[in-house]
């Protein structure tokens, strides 16, 4: 086969009178490398103003842009309306005159298993609930209230100091529902006493509801209560001569254990956070 035959059906090269040009990387024809400017490393001590405002819990980042453009936000006493403006973590940022904290508020719900402590103090040799949510946040999240080591159920963790203060206040009456197992059957007469109110430490404990668990022995009781007093459920039954063998918190505020197996955690949804913040 001749060279002409081998090029049949193809465009001839430029030397052969055709319009097909082969790539050549001879001197002067090598592809030009573009100079890529390396990106500047992010400053860990600075943050966009809209993110700073959003992290403080005032509003979303999109709404923060609106407030910034309207002049509602000041940095070190001066109104800032520039989009994309960056502030240092040491700057004083205010929204409508209120000082902001740039640490993002986080909320984690845990279904606590048995044999984990919730006390803040160091318990040597004891497993702490904080270890169960260690991967949830880089911030230090603390439980709003406590569950005893042997008890199980819902625990809410957050770094939102204002929410913690509100939900722990005995005035607010946080709704909680417990599933209890007593060491002995609960007498109907004592069930009625609980419904009417039992005095514990010279104060009447009012419950929203209390009843036997359906299709279960009368040792198992469900109780809905709003009191924030320490160990109030156990002390309530102890006053009537009963010992709580098991306690499981199945509802906390409007939060439930649905799709949350024992020992697992999840983040609260935006709506759930809003609902909790509506408690005054």
C-alpha atoms as a PDB file:
ATOM      1  CA  UNK A   1       0.000   0.000   0.000  1.00  0.00           C
ATOM      2  CA  UNK A   2       1.459   3.415  -0.994  1.00  0.00           C
ATOM      3  CA  UNK A   3       1.667   6.485   1.248  1.00  0.00           C
ATOM      4  CA  UNK A   4      -1.064   8.096  -0.849  1.00  0.00           C
ATOM      5  CA  UNK A   5      -3.321   5.128  -0.180  1.00  0.00           C
ATOM      6  CA  UNK A   6      -2.712   5.346   3.554  1.00  0.00           C
ATOM      7  CA  UNK A   7      -3.873   8.986   3.599  1.00  0.00           C
ATOM      8  CA  UNK A   8      -6.930   8.292   1.511  1.00  0.00           C
ATOM      9  CA  UNK A   9     -10.089   9.551   3.257  1.00  0.00           C
ATOM     10  CA  UNK A  10      -8.009  11.838   5.509  1.00  0.00           C
ATOM     11  CA  UNK A  11      -6.942  15.429   5.116  1.00  0.00           C
ATOM     12  CA  UNK A  12      -3.348  15.752   4.019  1.00  0.00           C
ATOM     13  CA  UNK A  13      -0.908  17.622   6.173  1.00  0.00           C
ATOM     14  CA  UNK A  14       0.149  21.169   5.378  1.00  0.00           C
ATOM     15  CA  UNK A  15       3.357  20.005   3.699  1.00  0.00           C
ATOM     16  CA  UNK A  16       1.303  17.850   1.366  1.00  0.00           C
ATOM     17  CA  UNK A  17      -0.938  20.706   0.383  1.00  0.00           C
ATOM     18  CA  UNK A  18      -3.804  19.830   2.682  1.00  0.00           C
ATOM     19  CA  UNK A  19      -5.358  21.726   5.576  1.00  0.00           C
ATOM     20  CA  UNK A  20      -4.639  19.203   8.348  1.00  0.00           C
ATOM     21  CA  UNK A  21      -1.954  20.328  10.797  1.00  0.00           C
ATOM     22  CA  UNK A  22      -0.328  18.021  13.289  1.00  0.00           C
ATOM     23  CA  UNK A  23       0.407  19.300  16.774  1.00  0.00           C
ATOM     24  CA  UNK A  24       4.016  20.192  17.227  1.00  0.00           C
ATOM     25  CA  UNK A  25       5.664  20.881  20.558  1.00  0.00           C
ATOM     26  CA  UNK A  26       8.920  22.138  19.062  1.00  0.00           C
ATOM     27  CA  UNK A  27      10.564  25.218  20.583  1.00  0.00           C
ATOM     28  CA  UNK A  28       8.143  28.103  20.486  1.00  0.00           C
ATOM     29  CA  UNK A  29       5.058  25.923  19.968  1.00  0.00           C
ATOM     30  CA  UNK A  30       4.709  24.422  23.469  1.00  0.00           C
ATOM     31  CA  UNK A  31       1.395  25.203  25.244  1.00  0.00           C
ATOM     32  CA  UNK A  32       1.622  28.240  27.490  1.00  0.00           C
ATOM     33  CA  UNK A  33       1.117  27.545  31.176  1.00  0.00           C
ATOM     34  CA  UNK A  34      -1.144  30.051  32.829  1.00  0.00           C
ATOM     35  CA  UNK A  35       0.007  31.622  36.051  1.00  0.00           C
ATOM     36  CA  UNK A  36      -2.550  30.666  38.689  1.00  0.00           C
ATOM     37  CA  UNK A  37      -2.628  33.020  41.627  1.00  0.00           C
ATOM     38  CA  UNK A  38      -2.822  30.942  44.813  1.00  0.00           C
ATOM     39  CA  UNK A  39      -5.900  31.717  46.885  1.00  0.00           C
ATOM     40  CA  UNK A  40      -5.311  33.532  50.122  1.00  0.00           C
ATOM     41  CA  UNK A  41      -5.734  31.396  53.222  1.00  0.00           C
ATOM     42  CA  UNK A  42      -8.867  32.186  55.212  1.00  0.00           C
ATOM     43  CA  UNK A  43      -8.350  34.224  58.335  1.00  0.00           C
ATOM     44  CA  UNK A  44      -9.756  32.170  61.230  1.00  0.00           C
ATOM     45  CA  UNK A  45     -10.182  35.368  63.231  1.00  0.00           C
ATOM     46  CA  UNK A  46     -12.467  37.094  60.722  1.00  0.00           C
ATOM     47  CA  UNK A  47     -15.980  36.311  59.508  1.00  0.00           C
ATOM     48  CA  UNK A  48     -18.498  37.813  57.099  1.00  0.00           C
ATOM     49  CA  UNK A  49     -20.827  40.192  58.858  1.00  0.00           C
ATOM     50  CA  UNK A  50     -24.005  38.439  57.683  1.00  0.00           C
ATOM     51  CA  UNK A  51     -22.721  35.117  59.020  1.00  0.00           C
ATOM     52  CA  UNK A  52     -21.751  36.779  62.301  1.00  0.00           C
ATOM     53  CA  UNK A  53     -25.303  38.085  62.706  1.00  0.00           C
ATOM     54  CA  UNK A  54     -26.879  34.765  61.683  1.00  0.00           C
ATOM     55  CA  UNK A  55     -24.657  32.782  64.062  1.00  0.00           C
ATOM     56  CA  UNK A  56     -25.799  34.989  66.916  1.00  0.00           C
ATOM     57  CA  UNK A  57     -29.319  33.635  66.437  1.00  0.00           C
ATOM     58  CA  UNK A  58     -30.943  36.926  65.402  1.00  0.00           C
ATOM     59  CA  UNK A  59     -32.056  35.762  61.957  1.00  0.00           C
ATOM     60  CA  UNK A  60     -31.014  33.815  58.859  1.00  0.00           C
ATOM     61  CA  UNK A  61     -28.030  34.908  56.777  1.00  0.00           C
ATOM     62  CA  UNK A  62     -30.330  36.065  53.972  1.00  0.00           C
ATOM     63  CA  UNK A  63     -32.344  38.235  56.355  1.00  0.00           C
ATOM     64  CA  UNK A  64     -29.089  39.496  57.869  1.00  0.00           C
ATOM     65  CA  UNK A  65     -28.169  40.989  54.475  1.00  0.00           C
ATOM     66  CA  UNK A  66     -31.444  42.931  54.512  1.00  0.00           C
ATOM     67  CA  UNK A  67     -30.860  44.273  58.013  1.00  0.00           C
ATOM     68  CA  UNK A  68     -27.255  45.177  57.187  1.00  0.00           C
ATOM     69  CA  UNK A  69     -28.257  47.127  54.063  1.00  0.00           C
ATOM     70  CA  UNK A  70     -30.901  48.921  56.151  1.00  0.00           C
ATOM     71  CA  UNK A  71     -28.260  50.048  58.649  1.00  0.00           C
ATOM     72  CA  UNK A  72     -29.484  47.988  61.612  1.00  0.00           C
ATOM     73  CA  UNK A  73     -26.024  46.563  62.293  1.00  0.00           C
ATOM     74  CA  UNK A  74     -23.071  48.471  63.724  1.00  0.00           C
ATOM     75  CA  UNK A  75     -19.437  47.417  64.030  1.00  0.00           C
ATOM     76  CA  UNK A  76     -17.444  49.174  66.734  1.00  0.00           C
ATOM     77  CA  UNK A  77     -20.133  51.847  66.890  1.00  0.00           C
ATOM     78  CA  UNK A  78     -20.341  52.547  63.140  1.00  0.00           C
ATOM     79  CA  UNK A  79     -23.241  51.420  60.881  1.00  0.00           C
ATOM     80  CA  UNK A  80     -22.098  49.009  58.165  1.00  0.00           C
ATOM     81  CA  UNK A  81     -24.163  48.620  54.985  1.00  0.00           C
ATOM     82  CA  UNK A  82     -21.522  47.017  52.754  1.00  0.00           C
ATOM     83  CA  UNK A  83     -22.364  43.525  51.517  1.00  0.00           C
ATOM     84  CA  UNK A  84     -19.599  40.995  52.142  1.00  0.00           C
ATOM     85  CA  UNK A  85     -18.021  43.122  54.868  1.00  0.00           C
ATOM     86  CA  UNK A  86     -15.769  41.081  57.167  1.00  0.00           C
ATOM     87  CA  UNK A  87     -15.385  41.622  60.869  1.00  0.00           C
ATOM     88  CA  UNK A  88     -12.903  40.319  63.392  1.00  0.00           C
ATOM     89  CA  UNK A  89     -14.075  38.145  66.250  1.00  0.00           C
ATOM     90  CA  UNK A  90     -12.730  40.814  68.593  1.00  0.00           C
ATOM     91  CA  UNK A  91     -14.965  43.513  67.037  1.00  0.00           C
ATOM     92  CA  UNK A  92     -18.049  44.774  68.860  1.00  0.00           C
ATOM     93  CA  UNK A  93     -21.067  44.007  66.675  1.00  0.00           C
ATOM     94  CA  UNK A  94     -24.529  45.199  67.641  1.00  0.00           C
ATOM     95  CA  UNK A  95     -27.972  44.644  66.144  1.00  0.00           C
ATOM     96  CA  UNK A  96     -30.408  47.446  66.993  1.00  0.00           C
ATOM     97  CA  UNK A  97     -28.127  48.320  69.908  1.00  0.00           C
ATOM     98  CA  UNK A  98     -27.952  44.757  71.286  1.00  0.00           C
ATOM     99  CA  UNK A  99     -24.492  43.195  71.561  1.00  0.00           C
ATOM    100  CA  UNK A 100     -24.176  39.975  69.546  1.00  0.00           C
ATOM    101  CA  UNK A 101     -22.273  36.749  70.196  1.00  0.00           C
ATOM    102  CA  UNK A 102     -20.928  35.166  66.962  1.00  0.00           C
ATOM    103  CA  UNK A 103     -20.831  31.597  68.279  1.00  0.00           C
ATOM    104  CA  UNK A 104     -23.386  29.591  66.320  1.00  0.00           C
ATOM    105  CA  UNK A 105     -26.174  28.259  68.525  1.00  0.00           C
ATOM    106  CA  UNK A 106     -26.562  24.509  68.228  1.00  0.00           C
ATOM    107  CA  UNK A 107     -29.222  22.146  69.548  1.00  0.00           C
ATOM    108  CA  UNK A 108     -28.845  18.373  69.820  1.00  0.00           C
ATOM    109  CA  UNK A 109     -31.398  15.853  71.081  1.00  0.00           C
ATOM    110  CA  UNK A 110     -30.103  12.591  72.562  1.00  0.00           C
ATOM    111  CA  UNK A 111     -32.003   9.439  73.464  1.00  0.00           C
ATOM    112  CA  UNK A 112     -29.930   8.632  76.546  1.00  0.00           C
ATOM    113  CA  UNK A 113     -29.159   4.987  77.298  1.00  0.00           C
ATOM    114  CA  UNK A 114     -28.747   3.537  80.767  1.00  0.00           C
ATOM    115  CA  UNK A 115     -25.484   3.822  82.766  1.00  0.00           C
ATOM    116  CA  UNK A 116     -24.380   7.247  81.501  1.00  0.00           C
ATOM    117  CA  UNK A 117     -24.039  10.186  83.897  1.00  0.00           C
ATOM    118  CA  UNK A 118     -25.142  13.738  83.107  1.00  0.00           C
ATOM    119  CA  UNK A 119     -23.450  15.647  85.938  1.00  0.00           C
ATOM    120  CA  UNK A 120     -20.912  18.286  84.871  1.00  0.00           C
ATOM    121  CA  UNK A 121     -18.322  17.364  87.492  1.00  0.00           C
ATOM    122  CA  UNK A 122     -15.698  14.787  86.574  1.00  0.00           C
ATOM    123  CA  UNK A 123     -16.906  11.300  87.414  1.00  0.00           C
ATOM    124  CA  UNK A 124     -13.869   8.994  87.374  1.00  0.00           C
ATOM    125  CA  UNK A 125     -14.512   5.665  85.714  1.00  0.00           C
ATOM    126  CA  UNK A 126     -18.035   6.669  84.667  1.00  0.00           C
ATOM    127  CA  UNK A 127     -19.270   7.192  81.137  1.00  0.00           C
ATOM    128  CA  UNK A 128     -20.595  10.688  80.461  1.00  0.00           C
ATOM    129  CA  UNK A 129     -23.396  11.571  78.043  1.00  0.00           C
ATOM    130  CA  UNK A 130     -21.158  14.171  76.367  1.00  0.00           C
ATOM    131  CA  UNK A 131     -19.177  11.318  74.824  1.00  0.00           C
ATOM    132  CA  UNK A 132     -22.289  10.171  72.968  1.00  0.00           C
ATOM    133  CA  UNK A 133     -22.613  13.505  71.122  1.00  0.00           C
ATOM    134  CA  UNK A 134     -18.906  14.317  70.738  1.00  0.00           C
ATOM    135  CA  UNK A 135     -19.165  14.271  66.926  1.00  0.00           C
ATOM    136  CA  UNK A 136     -22.181  16.607  66.852  1.00  0.00           C
ATOM    137  CA  UNK A 137     -20.329  19.890  67.323  1.00  0.00           C
ATOM    138  CA  UNK A 138     -16.959  21.542  67.850  1.00  0.00           C
ATOM    139  CA  UNK A 139     -18.597  23.732  70.482  1.00  0.00           C
ATOM    140  CA  UNK A 140     -19.083  22.600  74.058  1.00  0.00           C
ATOM    141  CA  UNK A 141     -22.709  21.525  74.332  1.00  0.00           C
ATOM    142  CA  UNK A 142     -24.219  20.960  77.769  1.00  0.00           C
ATOM    143  CA  UNK A 143     -27.447  19.185  78.746  1.00  0.00           C
ATOM    144  CA  UNK A 144     -30.207  21.552  79.807  1.00  0.00           C
ATOM    145  CA  UNK A 145     -31.212  19.298  82.681  1.00  0.00           C
ATOM    146  CA  UNK A 146     -30.255  15.928  84.158  1.00  0.00           C
ATOM    147  CA  UNK A 147     -31.311  12.320  84.012  1.00  0.00           C
ATOM    148  CA  UNK A 148     -29.975   9.945  86.636  1.00  0.00           C
ATOM    149  CA  UNK A 149     -27.412   7.357  85.584  1.00  0.00           C
ATOM    150  CA  UNK A 150     -29.927   4.506  85.674  1.00  0.00           C
ATOM    151  CA  UNK A 151     -32.619   6.469  83.796  1.00  0.00           C
ATOM    152  CA  UNK A 152     -33.141   6.744  80.058  1.00  0.00           C
ATOM    153  CA  UNK A 153     -34.794   9.020  77.546  1.00  0.00           C
ATOM    154  CA  UNK A 154     -34.601  12.450  75.988  1.00  0.00           C
ATOM    155  CA  UNK A 155     -31.868  14.953  76.830  1.00  0.00           C
ATOM    156  CA  UNK A 156     -31.453  18.287  75.072  1.00  0.00           C
ATOM    157  CA  UNK A 157     -27.936  19.725  74.625  1.00  0.00           C
ATOM    158  CA  UNK A 158     -27.109  23.283  73.562  1.00  0.00           C
ATOM    159  CA  UNK A 159     -24.633  26.155  73.859  1.00  0.00           C
ATOM    160  CA  UNK A 160     -27.529  28.633  73.934  1.00  0.00           C
ATOM    161  CA  UNK A 161     -27.307  30.087  77.417  1.00  0.00           C
ATOM    162  CA  UNK A 162     -30.528  32.074  77.121  1.00  0.00           C
ATOM    163  CA  UNK A 163     -32.566  29.020  76.141  1.00  0.00           C
ATOM    164  CA  UNK A 164     -31.018  26.971  78.936  1.00  0.00           C
ATOM    165  CA  UNK A 165     -31.947  29.648  81.470  1.00  0.00           C
ATOM    166  CA  UNK A 166     -35.536  29.833  80.231  1.00  0.00           C
ATOM    167  CA  UNK A 167     -36.153  26.079  80.032  1.00  0.00           C
ATOM    168  CA  UNK A 168     -34.612  25.384  83.448  1.00  0.00           C
ATOM    169  CA  UNK A 169     -36.717  28.048  85.137  1.00  0.00           C
ATOM    170  CA  UNK A 170     -39.436  26.509  87.344  1.00  0.00           C
ATOM    171  CA  UNK A 171     -41.755  29.317  86.252  1.00  0.00           C
ATOM    172  CA  UNK A 172     -41.919  28.203  82.621  1.00  0.00           C
ATOM    173  CA  UNK A 173     -43.225  24.684  83.141  1.00  0.00           C
ATOM    174  CA  UNK A 174     -41.499  22.588  80.503  1.00  0.00           C
ATOM    175  CA  UNK A 175     -43.780  19.747  79.390  1.00  0.00           C
ATOM    176  CA  UNK A 176     -42.348  16.280  80.034  1.00  0.00           C
ATOM    177  CA  UNK A 177     -43.862  12.812  79.754  1.00  0.00           C
ATOM    178  CA  UNK A 178     -42.328   9.812  81.516  1.00  0.00           C
ATOM    179  CA  UNK A 179     -42.890   6.077  81.284  1.00  0.00           C
ATOM    180  CA  UNK A 180     -42.311   4.618  84.744  1.00  0.00           C
ATOM    181  CA  UNK A 181     -41.926   1.112  86.069  1.00  0.00           C
ATOM    182  CA  UNK A 182     -42.521   0.839  89.819  1.00  0.00           C
ATOM    183  CA  UNK A 183     -41.311  -1.931  92.104  1.00  0.00           C
ATOM    184  CA  UNK A 184     -44.930  -2.665  93.048  1.00  0.00           C
ATOM    185  CA  UNK A 185     -48.332  -2.086  91.528  1.00  0.00           C
ATOM    186  CA  UNK A 186     -49.800   1.376  91.925  1.00  0.00           C
ATOM    187  CA  UNK A 187     -53.057   1.384  93.856  1.00  0.00           C
ATOM    188  CA  UNK A 188     -55.983   3.150  92.225  1.00  0.00           C
ATOM    189  CA  UNK A 189     -56.443   5.265  95.360  1.00  0.00           C
ATOM    190  CA  UNK A 190     -52.867   6.549  95.066  1.00  0.00           C
ATOM    191  CA  UNK A 191     -53.346   7.203  91.364  1.00  0.00           C
ATOM    192  CA  UNK A 192     -56.251   9.457  92.293  1.00  0.00           C
ATOM    193  CA  UNK A 193     -54.121  11.235  94.923  1.00  0.00           C
ATOM    194  CA  UNK A 194     -51.518  12.041  92.261  1.00  0.00           C
ATOM    195  CA  UNK A 195     -54.221  13.391  89.972  1.00  0.00           C
ATOM    196  CA  UNK A 196     -55.470  15.691  92.732  1.00  0.00           C
ATOM    197  CA  UNK A 197     -51.991  16.852  93.793  1.00  0.00           C
ATOM    198  CA  UNK A 198     -49.424  15.530  96.254  1.00  0.00           C
ATOM    199  CA  UNK A 199     -47.428  17.666  98.691  1.00  0.00           C
ATOM    200  CA  UNK A 200     -43.650  17.208  98.326  1.00  0.00           C
ATOM    201  CA  UNK A 201     -41.379  19.324 100.549  1.00  0.00           C
ATOM    202  CA  UNK A 202     -44.318  21.487 101.593  1.00  0.00           C
ATOM    203  CA  UNK A 203     -45.259  22.279  97.971  1.00  0.00           C
ATOM    204  CA  UNK A 204     -48.112  20.746  95.994  1.00  0.00           C
ATOM    205  CA  UNK A 205     -46.998  18.894  92.860  1.00  0.00           C
ATOM    206  CA  UNK A 206     -49.565  19.267  90.097  1.00  0.00           C
ATOM    207  CA  UNK A 207     -49.500  16.795  87.206  1.00  0.00           C
ATOM    208  CA  UNK A 208     -51.151  17.311  83.859  1.00  0.00           C
ATOM    209  CA  UNK A 209     -52.049  13.648  83.518  1.00  0.00           C
ATOM    210  CA  UNK A 210     -51.240  10.265  85.033  1.00  0.00           C
ATOM    211  CA  UNK A 211     -52.546   6.858  83.997  1.00  0.00           C
ATOM    212  CA  UNK A 212     -51.725   3.179  83.762  1.00  0.00           C
ATOM    213  CA  UNK A 213     -50.010   1.984  80.587  1.00  0.00           C
ATOM    214  CA  UNK A 214     -52.471   0.106  78.371  1.00  0.00           C
ATOM    215  CA  UNK A 215     -52.069  -3.692  78.227  1.00  0.00           C
ATOM    216  CA  UNK A 216     -49.297  -3.597  80.842  1.00  0.00           C
ATOM    217  CA  UNK A 217     -49.064  -4.490  84.551  1.00  0.00           C
ATOM    218  CA  UNK A 218     -50.210  -1.790  86.971  1.00  0.00           C
ATOM    219  CA  UNK A 219     -46.575  -1.276  87.892  1.00  0.00           C
ATOM    220  CA  UNK A 220     -46.218   0.671  84.636  1.00  0.00           C
ATOM    221  CA  UNK A 221     -47.436   4.253  84.668  1.00  0.00           C
ATOM    222  CA  UNK A 222     -47.358   7.206  82.303  1.00  0.00           C
ATOM    223  CA  UNK A 223     -47.139  10.677  83.814  1.00  0.00           C
ATOM    224  CA  UNK A 224     -47.197  14.131  82.213  1.00  0.00           C
ATOM    225  CA  UNK A 225     -45.760  16.910  84.329  1.00  0.00           C
ATOM    226  CA  UNK A 226     -44.569  20.489  83.921  1.00  0.00           C
ATOM    227  CA  UNK A 227     -42.532  20.888  87.101  1.00  0.00           C
ATOM    228  CA  UNK A 228     -38.779  21.576  86.830  1.00  0.00           C
ATOM    229  CA  UNK A 229     -37.998  20.569  90.425  1.00  0.00           C
ATOM    230  CA  UNK A 230     -35.070  18.181  90.857  1.00  0.00           C
ATOM    231  CA  UNK A 231     -36.023  14.457  90.811  1.00  0.00           C
ATOM    232  CA  UNK A 232     -39.627  15.507  91.313  1.00  0.00           C
ATOM    233  CA  UNK A 233     -41.170  12.409  89.694  1.00  0.00           C
ATOM    234  CA  UNK A 234     -39.252   9.978  91.895  1.00  0.00           C
ATOM    235  CA  UNK A 235     -39.864  12.061  95.022  1.00  0.00           C
ATOM    236  CA  UNK A 236     -43.566  12.257  94.189  1.00  0.00           C
ATOM    237  CA  UNK A 237     -43.915   8.471  94.185  1.00  0.00           C
ATOM    238  CA  UNK A 238     -41.598   8.031  97.175  1.00  0.00           C
ATOM    239  CA  UNK A 239     -43.929  10.289  99.159  1.00  0.00           C
ATOM    240  CA  UNK A 240     -46.676   7.723  98.559  1.00  0.00           C
ATOM    241  CA  UNK A 241     -44.414   4.769  99.419  1.00  0.00           C
ATOM    242  CA  UNK A 242     -43.355   3.648  95.931  1.00  0.00           C
ATOM    243  CA  UNK A 243     -39.875   3.204  94.470  1.00  0.00           C
ATOM    244  CA  UNK A 244     -39.266   3.948  90.797  1.00  0.00           C
ATOM    245  CA  UNK A 245     -37.454   1.003  89.228  1.00  0.00           C
ATOM    246  CA  UNK A 246     -37.204   2.432  85.702  1.00  0.00           C
ATOM    247  CA  UNK A 247     -37.778   5.891  84.289  1.00  0.00           C
ATOM    248  CA  UNK A 248     -37.818   6.751  80.597  1.00  0.00           C
ATOM    249  CA  UNK A 249     -38.474  10.310  79.374  1.00  0.00           C
ATOM    250  CA  UNK A 250     -40.430   9.932  76.142  1.00  0.00           C
ATOM    251  CA  UNK A 251     -41.457  13.574  75.525  1.00  0.00           C
ATOM    252  CA  UNK A 252     -39.500  16.763  76.243  1.00  0.00           C
ATOM    253  CA  UNK A 253     -41.316  19.949  75.314  1.00  0.00           C
ATOM    254  CA  UNK A 254     -42.687  19.103  71.895  1.00  0.00           C
ATOM    255  CA  UNK A 255     -39.792  16.729  71.167  1.00  0.00           C
ATOM    256  CA  UNK A 256     -40.302  12.964  70.982  1.00  0.00           C
ATOM    257  CA  UNK A 257     -38.203   9.824  70.515  1.00  0.00           C
ATOM    258  CA  UNK A 258     -39.646   9.139  67.064  1.00  0.00           C
ATOM    259  CA  UNK A 259     -36.953   7.738  64.726  1.00  0.00           C
ATOM    260  CA  UNK A 260     -34.335   8.218  67.460  1.00  0.00           C
ATOM    261  CA  UNK A 261     -33.009   4.862  68.744  1.00  0.00           C
ATOM    262  CA  UNK A 262     -31.463   4.565  72.187  1.00  0.00           C
ATOM    263  CA  UNK A 263     -27.947   6.012  72.265  1.00  0.00           C
ATOM    264  CA  UNK A 264     -28.446   8.072  69.094  1.00  0.00           C
ATOM    265  CA  UNK A 265     -28.757  11.835  68.629  1.00  0.00           C
ATOM    266  CA  UNK A 266     -30.039  14.308  66.050  1.00  0.00           C
ATOM    267  CA  UNK A 267     -30.051  18.061  65.439  1.00  0.00           C
ATOM    268  CA  UNK A 268     -33.242  19.980  66.125  1.00  0.00           C
ATOM    269  CA  UNK A 269     -35.045  21.381  63.109  1.00  0.00           C
ATOM    270  CA  UNK A 270     -35.401  25.145  62.722  1.00  0.00           C
ATOM    271  CA  UNK A 271     -39.093  24.874  63.580  1.00  0.00           C
ATOM    272  CA  UNK A 272     -38.372  22.893  66.745  1.00  0.00           C
ATOM    273  CA  UNK A 273     -35.929  25.582  67.889  1.00  0.00           C
ATOM    274  CA  UNK A 274     -38.525  28.267  67.212  1.00  0.00           C
ATOM    275  CA  UNK A 275     -41.119  26.347  69.222  1.00  0.00           C
ATOM    276  CA  UNK A 276     -38.777  26.053  72.210  1.00  0.00           C
ATOM    277  CA  UNK A 277     -37.906  29.748  72.055  1.00  0.00           C
ATOM    278  CA  UNK A 278     -41.615  30.580  72.261  1.00  0.00           C
ATOM    279  CA  UNK A 279     -41.656  29.221  75.813  1.00  0.00           C
ATOM    280  CA  UNK A 280     -41.553  32.287  78.051  1.00  0.00           C
END
